Amino acid sequence: MNASLFWSLFGNIIGLVFCAGYAAYIFVRQGVHVRGQGWKTKQEAPKSFYFTIGILVLVSIISLGSIIFRLYTHYNV
């Protein structure tokens, strides 16, 4: 893997790691940080919890898809 390919993937790798990591953290802790209210459990703020999990998983999937697409086009073109 050359440097230009690595740096083109770098942002997606960071996004994947941090979004998937935070999604796992809030899933394990069963809570979410709500702006202006602090940490709330899943029972106290279920909509915020599921919305946050959904957005983080979506961003992680898109980042992973982008990484796969860039690697595929780099090595098959």
PDB file of N, CA and C in Angstrom:
ATOM      1  N   MET A   1       0.867  -1.170   0.000  1.00  0.00           N
ATOM      2  CA  MET A   1       0.000   0.000   0.000  1.00  0.00           C
ATOM      3  C   MET A   1       0.912   1.231   0.000  1.00  0.00           C
ATOM      4  N   ASN A   2       0.689   2.122  -0.961  1.00  0.00           N
ATOM      5  CA  ASN A   2       1.512   3.324  -1.021  1.00  0.00           C
ATOM      6  C   ASN A   2       0.924   4.426  -0.146  1.00  0.00           C
ATOM      7  N   ALA A   3       1.698   5.487   0.016  1.00  0.00           N
ATOM      8  CA  ALA A   3       1.310   6.566   0.938  1.00  0.00           C
ATOM      9  C   ALA A   3       0.059   7.294   0.481  1.00  0.00           C
ATOM     10  N   SER A   4      -0.097   7.493  -0.823  1.00  0.00           N
ATOM     11  CA  SER A   4      -1.279   8.229  -1.293  1.00  0.00           C
ATOM     12  C   SER A   4      -2.561   7.438  -1.037  1.00  0.00           C
ATOM     13  N   LEU A   5      -2.499   6.121  -1.191  1.00  0.00           N
ATOM     14  CA  LEU A   5      -3.669   5.299  -0.894  1.00  0.00           C
ATOM     15  C   LEU A   5      -3.982   5.330   0.596  1.00  0.00           C
ATOM     16  N   PHE A   6      -2.951   5.231   1.420  1.00  0.00           N
ATOM     17  CA  PHE A   6      -3.169   5.274   2.866  1.00  0.00           C
ATOM     18  C   PHE A   6      -3.828   6.577   3.280  1.00  0.00           C
ATOM     19  N   TRP A   7      -3.313   7.707   2.784  1.00  0.00           N
ATOM     20  CA  TRP A   7      -3.871   8.998   3.202  1.00  0.00           C
ATOM     21  C   TRP A   7      -5.261   9.226   2.631  1.00  0.00           C
ATOM     22  N   SER A   8      -5.583   8.591   1.492  1.00  0.00           N
ATOM     23  CA  SER A   8      -6.949   8.718   0.981  1.00  0.00           C
ATOM     24  C   SER A   8      -7.929   7.906   1.829  1.00  0.00           C
ATOM     25  N   LEU A   9      -7.436   6.876   2.493  1.00  0.00           N
ATOM     26  CA  LEU A   9      -8.278   6.044   3.361  1.00  0.00           C
ATOM     27  C   LEU A   9      -8.284   6.505   4.811  1.00  0.00           C
ATOM     28  N   PHE A  10      -7.358   7.369   5.181  1.00  0.00           N
ATOM     29  CA  PHE A  10      -7.135   7.730   6.577  1.00  0.00           C
ATOM     30  C   PHE A  10      -8.388   8.284   7.257  1.00  0.00           C
ATOM     31  N   GLY A  11      -9.083   9.206   6.632  1.00  0.00           N
ATOM     32  CA  GLY A  11     -10.286   9.797   7.226  1.00  0.00           C
ATOM     33  C   GLY A  11     -11.380   8.774   7.444  1.00  0.00           C
ATOM     34  N   ASN A  12     -11.545   7.872   6.484  1.00  0.00           N
ATOM     35  CA  ASN A  12     -12.558   6.831   6.630  1.00  0.00           C
ATOM     36  C   ASN A  12     -12.186   5.834   7.723  1.00  0.00           C
ATOM     37  N   ILE A  13     -10.908   5.544   7.854  1.00  0.00           N
ATOM     38  CA  ILE A  13     -10.466   4.642   8.924  1.00  0.00           C
ATOM     39  C   ILE A  13     -10.733   5.272  10.284  1.00  0.00           C
ATOM     40  N   ILE A  14     -10.409   6.557  10.426  1.00  0.00           N
ATOM     41  CA  ILE A  14     -10.659   7.264  11.685  1.00  0.00           C
ATOM     42  C   ILE A  14     -12.157   7.292  11.983  1.00  0.00           C
ATOM     43  N   GLY A  15     -12.970   7.608  10.976  1.00  0.00           N
ATOM     44  CA  GLY A  15     -14.421   7.633  11.165  1.00  0.00           C
ATOM     45  C   GLY A  15     -14.966   6.279  11.572  1.00  0.00           C
ATOM     46  N   LEU A  16     -14.482   5.236  10.930  1.00  0.00           N
ATOM     47  CA  LEU A  16     -14.931   3.882  11.251  1.00  0.00           C
ATOM     48  C   LEU A  16     -14.564   3.508  12.679  1.00  0.00           C
ATOM     49  N   VAL A  17     -13.337   3.755  13.073  1.00  0.00           N
ATOM     50  CA  VAL A  17     -12.870   3.359  14.407  1.00  0.00           C
ATOM     51  C   VAL A  17     -13.620   4.120  15.499  1.00  0.00           C
ATOM     52  N   PHE A  18     -13.706   5.440  15.360  1.00  0.00           N
ATOM     53  CA  PHE A  18     -14.320   6.224  16.422  1.00  0.00           C
ATOM     54  C   PHE A  18     -15.837   6.046  16.483  1.00  0.00           C
ATOM     55  N   CYS A  19     -16.507   5.989  15.341  1.00  0.00           N
ATOM     56  CA  CYS A  19     -17.965   5.814  15.369  1.00  0.00           C
ATOM     57  C   CYS A  19     -18.346   4.423  15.862  1.00  0.00           C
ATOM     58  N   ALA A  20     -17.662   3.399  15.371  1.00  0.00           N
ATOM     59  CA  ALA A  20     -17.959   2.043  15.838  1.00  0.00           C
ATOM     60  C   ALA A  20     -17.592   1.889  17.313  1.00  0.00           C
ATOM     61  N   GLY A  21     -16.492   2.502  17.710  1.00  0.00           N
ATOM     62  CA  GLY A  21     -16.081   2.428  19.112  1.00  0.00           C
ATOM     63  C   GLY A  21     -17.069   3.107  20.045  1.00  0.00           C
ATOM     64  N   TYR A  22     -17.522   4.297  19.671  1.00  0.00           N
ATOM     65  CA  TYR A  22     -18.479   5.004  20.526  1.00  0.00           C
ATOM     66  C   TYR A  22     -19.837   4.308  20.515  1.00  0.00           C
ATOM     67  N   ALA A  23     -20.238   3.746  19.375  1.00  0.00           N
ATOM     68  CA  ALA A  23     -21.490   2.987  19.324  1.00  0.00           C
ATOM     69  C   ALA A  23     -21.413   1.781  20.261  1.00  0.00           C
ATOM     70  N   ALA A  24     -20.292   1.090  20.260  1.00  0.00           N
ATOM     71  CA  ALA A  24     -20.123  -0.048  21.166  1.00  0.00           C
ATOM     72  C   ALA A  24     -20.125   0.413  22.619  1.00  0.00           C
ATOM     73  N   TYR A  25     -19.483   1.546  22.896  1.00  0.00           N
ATOM     74  CA  TYR A  25     -19.423   2.074  24.260  1.00  0.00           C
ATOM     75  C   TYR A  25     -20.814   2.410  24.792  1.00  0.00           C
ATOM     76  N   ILE A  26     -21.611   3.124  23.998  1.00  0.00           N
ATOM     77  CA  ILE A  26     -22.930   3.492  24.507  1.00  0.00           C
ATOM     78  C   ILE A  26     -23.867   2.291  24.545  1.00  0.00           C
ATOM     79  N   PHE A  27     -23.615   1.290  23.685  1.00  0.00           N
ATOM     80  CA  PHE A  27     -24.431   0.081  23.744  1.00  0.00           C
ATOM     81  C   PHE A  27     -24.116  -0.714  25.006  1.00  0.00           C
ATOM     82  N   VAL A  28     -22.841  -0.818  25.351  1.00  0.00           N
ATOM     83  CA  VAL A  28     -22.442  -1.556  26.553  1.00  0.00           C
ATOM     84  C   VAL A  28     -22.894  -0.826  27.810  1.00  0.00           C
ATOM     85  N   ARG A  29     -22.748   0.504  27.830  1.00  0.00           N
ATOM     86  CA  ARG A  29     -23.126   1.302  28.999  1.00  0.00           C
ATOM     87  C   ARG A  29     -24.631   1.546  29.088  1.00  0.00           C
ATOM     88  N   GLN A  30     -25.360   1.252  28.008  1.00  0.00           N
ATOM     89  CA  GLN A  30     -26.819   1.425  27.942  1.00  0.00           C
ATOM     90  C   GLN A  30     -27.241   2.857  28.265  1.00  0.00           C
ATOM     91  N   GLY A  31     -26.537   3.817  27.672  1.00  0.00           N
ATOM     92  CA  GLY A  31     -26.871   5.218  27.886  1.00  0.00           C
ATOM     93  C   GLY A  31     -26.322   6.065  26.762  1.00  0.00           C
ATOM     94  N   VAL A  32     -26.672   7.347  26.801  1.00  0.00           N
ATOM     95  CA  VAL A  32     -26.239   8.271  25.764  1.00  0.00           C
ATOM     96  C   VAL A  32     -26.100   9.658  26.376  1.00  0.00           C
ATOM     97  N   HIS A  33     -25.190  10.458  25.823  1.00  0.00           N
ATOM     98  CA  HIS A  33     -25.051  11.834  26.294  1.00  0.00           C
ATOM     99  C   HIS A  33     -26.033  12.707  25.520  1.00  0.00           C
ATOM    100  N   VAL A  34     -26.914  13.389  26.238  1.00  0.00           N
ATOM    101  CA  VAL A  34     -27.905  14.282  25.637  1.00  0.00           C
ATOM    102  C   VAL A  34     -27.459  15.711  25.898  1.00  0.00           C
ATOM    103  N   ARG A  35     -27.393  16.508  24.841  1.00  0.00           N
ATOM    104  CA  ARG A  35     -26.923  17.887  24.978  1.00  0.00           C
ATOM    105  C   ARG A  35     -27.823  18.673  25.925  1.00  0.00           C
ATOM    106  N   GLY A  36     -27.208  19.336  26.878  1.00  0.00           N
ATOM    107  CA  GLY A  36     -27.927  20.150  27.845  1.00  0.00           C
ATOM    108  C   GLY A  36     -28.481  19.380  29.029  1.00  0.00           C
ATOM    109  N   GLN A  37     -28.458  18.049  28.956  1.00  0.00           N
ATOM    110  CA  GLN A  37     -29.016  17.238  30.037  1.00  0.00           C
ATOM    111  C   GLN A  37     -28.008  16.268  30.633  1.00  0.00           C
ATOM    112  N   GLY A  38     -26.918  16.012  29.934  1.00  0.00           N
ATOM    113  CA  GLY A  38     -25.905  15.092  30.433  1.00  0.00           C
ATOM    114  C   GLY A  38     -26.189  13.650  30.042  1.00  0.00           C
ATOM    115  N   TRP A  39     -25.608  12.737  30.802  1.00  0.00           N
ATOM    116  CA  TRP A  39     -25.737  11.308  30.518  1.00  0.00           C
ATOM    117  C   TRP A  39     -27.121  10.811  30.914  1.00  0.00           C
ATOM    118  N   LYS A  40     -27.800  10.163  29.988  1.00  0.00           N
ATOM    119  CA  LYS A  40     -29.121   9.580  30.231  1.00  0.00           C
ATOM    120  C   LYS A  40     -29.070   8.103  29.875  1.00  0.00           C
ATOM    121  N   THR A  41     -29.780   7.308  30.645  1.00  0.00           N
ATOM    122  CA  THR A  41     -29.841   5.885  30.350  1.00  0.00           C
ATOM    123  C   THR A  41     -30.802   5.643  29.194  1.00  0.00           C
ATOM    124  N   LYS A  42     -30.783   4.408  28.709  1.00  0.00           N
ATOM    125  CA  LYS A  42     -31.669   4.048  27.606  1.00  0.00           C
ATOM    126  C   LYS A  42     -33.132   4.190  28.012  1.00  0.00           C
ATOM    127  N   GLN A  43     -33.459   3.931  29.259  1.00  0.00           N
ATOM    128  CA  GLN A  43     -34.838   4.048  29.727  1.00  0.00           C
ATOM    129  C   GLN A  43     -35.260   5.509  29.864  1.00  0.00           C
ATOM    130  N   GLU A  44     -34.328   6.394  30.191  1.00  0.00           N
ATOM    131  CA  GLU A  44     -34.659   7.808  30.355  1.00  0.00           C
ATOM    132  C   GLU A  44     -34.791   8.537  29.017  1.00  0.00           C
ATOM    133  N   ALA A  45     -34.028   8.134  28.023  1.00  0.00           N
ATOM    134  CA  ALA A  45     -34.053   8.799  26.715  1.00  0.00           C
ATOM    135  C   ALA A  45     -33.936   7.758  25.600  1.00  0.00           C
ATOM    136  N   PRO A  46     -34.992   6.957  25.397  1.00  0.00           N
ATOM    137  CA  PRO A  46     -34.880   5.875  24.407  1.00  0.00           C
ATOM    138  C   PRO A  46     -34.733   6.371  22.969  1.00  0.00           C
ATOM    139  N   LYS A  47     -35.418   7.462  22.614  1.00  0.00           N
ATOM    140  CA  LYS A  47     -35.315   7.957  21.237  1.00  0.00           C
ATOM    141  C   LYS A  47     -33.903   8.438  20.936  1.00  0.00           C
ATOM    142  N   SER A  48     -33.317   9.175  21.862  1.00  0.00           N
ATOM    143  CA  SER A  48     -31.944   9.658  21.672  1.00  0.00           C
ATOM    144  C   SER A  48     -30.963   8.494  21.604  1.00  0.00           C
ATOM    145  N   PHE A  49     -31.181   7.487  22.436  1.00  0.00           N
ATOM    146  CA  PHE A  49     -30.296   6.324  22.447  1.00  0.00           C
ATOM    147  C   PHE A  49     -30.327   5.606  21.101  1.00  0.00           C
ATOM    148  N   TYR A  50     -31.513   5.265  20.625  1.00  0.00           N
ATOM    149  CA  TYR A  50     -31.619   4.528  19.368  1.00  0.00           C
ATOM    150  C   TYR A  50     -31.212   5.380  18.170  1.00  0.00           C
ATOM    151  N   PHE A  51     -31.505   6.678  18.197  1.00  0.00           N
ATOM    152  CA  PHE A  51     -31.096   7.567  17.119  1.00  0.00           C
ATOM    153  C   PHE A  51     -29.572   7.643  17.042  1.00  0.00           C
ATOM    154  N   THR A  52     -28.927   7.784  18.190  1.00  0.00           N
ATOM    155  CA  THR A  52     -27.469   7.872  18.218  1.00  0.00           C
ATOM    156  C   THR A  52     -26.834   6.573  17.750  1.00  0.00           C
ATOM    157  N   ILE A  53     -27.338   5.454  18.233  1.00  0.00           N
ATOM    158  CA  ILE A  53     -26.824   4.153  17.785  1.00  0.00           C
ATOM    159  C   ILE A  53     -27.001   4.015  16.274  1.00  0.00           C
ATOM    160  N   GLY A  54     -28.174   4.364  15.767  1.00  0.00           N
ATOM    161  CA  GLY A  54     -28.441   4.247  14.333  1.00  0.00           C
ATOM    162  C   GLY A  54     -27.514   5.100  13.491  1.00  0.00           C
ATOM    163  N   ILE A  55     -27.324   6.355  13.892  1.00  0.00           N
ATOM    164  CA  ILE A  55     -26.447   7.248  13.132  1.00  0.00           C
ATOM    165  C   ILE A  55     -25.006   6.751  13.160  1.00  0.00           C
ATOM    166  N   LEU A  56     -24.529   6.337  14.321  1.00  0.00           N
ATOM    167  CA  LEU A  56     -23.145   5.870  14.428  1.00  0.00           C
ATOM    168  C   LEU A  56     -22.909   4.590  13.628  1.00  0.00           C
ATOM    169  N   VAL A  57     -23.859   3.677  13.652  1.00  0.00           N
ATOM    170  CA  VAL A  57     -23.724   2.448  12.867  1.00  0.00           C
ATOM    171  C   VAL A  57     -23.784   2.773  11.376  1.00  0.00           C
ATOM    172  N   LEU A  58     -24.659   3.693  10.983  1.00  0.00           N
ATOM    173  CA  LEU A  58     -24.752   4.091   9.578  1.00  0.00           C
ATOM    174  C   LEU A  58     -23.444   4.712   9.091  1.00  0.00           C
ATOM    175  N   VAL A  59     -22.874   5.612   9.864  1.00  0.00           N
ATOM    176  CA  VAL A  59     -21.598   6.232   9.485  1.00  0.00           C
ATOM    177  C   VAL A  59     -20.492   5.181   9.420  1.00  0.00           C
ATOM    178  N   SER A  60     -20.500   4.229  10.335  1.00  0.00           N
ATOM    179  CA  SER A  60     -19.492   3.161  10.321  1.00  0.00           C
ATOM    180  C   SER A  60     -19.621   2.296   9.075  1.00  0.00           C
ATOM    181  N   ILE A  61     -20.841   1.957   8.703  1.00  0.00           N
ATOM    182  CA  ILE A  61     -21.063   1.136   7.508  1.00  0.00           C
ATOM    183  C   ILE A  61     -20.652   1.891   6.252  1.00  0.00           C
ATOM    184  N   ILE A  62     -20.996   3.171   6.180  1.00  0.00           N
ATOM    185  CA  ILE A  62     -20.610   3.976   5.014  1.00  0.00           C
ATOM    186  C   ILE A  62     -19.090   4.110   4.935  1.00  0.00           C
ATOM    187  N   SER A  63     -18.430   4.300   6.063  1.00  0.00           N
ATOM    188  CA  SER A  63     -16.965   4.394   6.076  1.00  0.00           C
ATOM    189  C   SER A  63     -16.329   3.084   5.628  1.00  0.00           C
ATOM    190  N   LEU A  64     -16.848   1.976   6.113  1.00  0.00           N
ATOM    191  CA  LEU A  64     -16.326   0.676   5.706  1.00  0.00           C
ATOM    192  C   LEU A  64     -16.555   0.444   4.215  1.00  0.00           C
ATOM    193  N   GLY A  65     -17.739   0.790   3.734  1.00  0.00           N
ATOM    194  CA  GLY A  65     -18.027   0.661   2.304  1.00  0.00           C
ATOM    195  C   GLY A  65     -17.114   1.521   1.456  1.00  0.00           C
ATOM    196  N   SER A  66     -16.833   2.715   1.916  1.00  0.00           N
ATOM    197  CA  SER A  66     -15.931   3.603   1.188  1.00  0.00           C
ATOM    198  C   SER A  66     -14.513   3.050   1.155  1.00  0.00           C
ATOM    199  N   ILE A  67     -14.066   2.479   2.258  1.00  0.00           N
ATOM    200  CA  ILE A  67     -12.733   1.869   2.296  1.00  0.00           C
ATOM    201  C   ILE A  67     -12.660   0.712   1.305  1.00  0.00           C
ATOM    202  N   ILE A  68     -13.658  -0.150   1.320  1.00  0.00           N
ATOM    203  CA  ILE A  68     -13.680  -1.300   0.407  1.00  0.00           C
ATOM    204  C   ILE A  68     -13.721  -0.833  -1.041  1.00  0.00           C
ATOM    205  N   PHE A  69     -14.544   0.181  -1.335  1.00  0.00           N
ATOM    206  CA  PHE A  69     -14.652   0.693  -2.700  1.00  0.00           C
ATOM    207  C   PHE A  69     -13.326   1.281  -3.177  1.00  0.00           C
ATOM    208  N   ARG A  70     -12.676   2.064  -2.329  1.00  0.00           N
ATOM    209  CA  ARG A  70     -11.393   2.663  -2.731  1.00  0.00           C
ATOM    210  C   ARG A  70     -10.321   1.607  -2.938  1.00  0.00           C
ATOM    211  N   LEU A  71     -10.276   0.607  -2.075  1.00  0.00           N
ATOM    212  CA  LEU A  71      -9.299  -0.463  -2.260  1.00  0.00           C
ATOM    213  C   LEU A  71      -9.594  -1.259  -3.526  1.00  0.00           C
ATOM    214  N   TYR A  72     -10.864  -1.533  -3.780  1.00  0.00           N
ATOM    215  CA  TYR A  72     -11.258  -2.283  -4.975  1.00  0.00           C
ATOM    216  C   TYR A  72     -10.882  -1.525  -6.240  1.00  0.00           C
ATOM    217  N   THR A  73     -11.209  -0.226  -6.285  1.00  0.00           N
ATOM    218  CA  THR A  73     -10.892   0.545  -7.489  1.00  0.00           C
ATOM    219  C   THR A  73      -9.390   0.769  -7.636  1.00  0.00           C
ATOM    220  N   HIS A  74      -8.665   0.848  -6.542  1.00  0.00           N
ATOM    221  CA  HIS A  74      -7.214   1.058  -6.624  1.00  0.00           C
ATOM    222  C   HIS A  74      -6.511  -0.170  -7.197  1.00  0.00           C
ATOM    223  N   TYR A  75      -6.906  -1.353  -6.762  1.00  0.00           N
ATOM    224  CA  TYR A  75      -6.203  -2.558  -7.184  1.00  0.00           C
ATOM    225  C   TYR A  75      -6.784  -3.204  -8.432  1.00  0.00           C
ATOM    226  N   ASN A  76      -7.962  -2.791  -8.881  1.00  0.00           N
ATOM    227  CA  ASN A  76      -8.571  -3.416 -10.056  1.00  0.00           C
ATOM    228  C   ASN A  76      -8.680  -2.490 -11.257  1.00  0.00           C
ATOM    229  N   VAL A  77      -8.102  -1.319 -11.183  1.00  0.00           N
ATOM    230  CA  VAL A  77      -8.195  -0.404 -12.332  1.00  0.00           C
ATOM    231  C   VAL A  77      -6.922  -0.408 -13.117  1.00  0.00           C
TER     232      VAL A  77
END
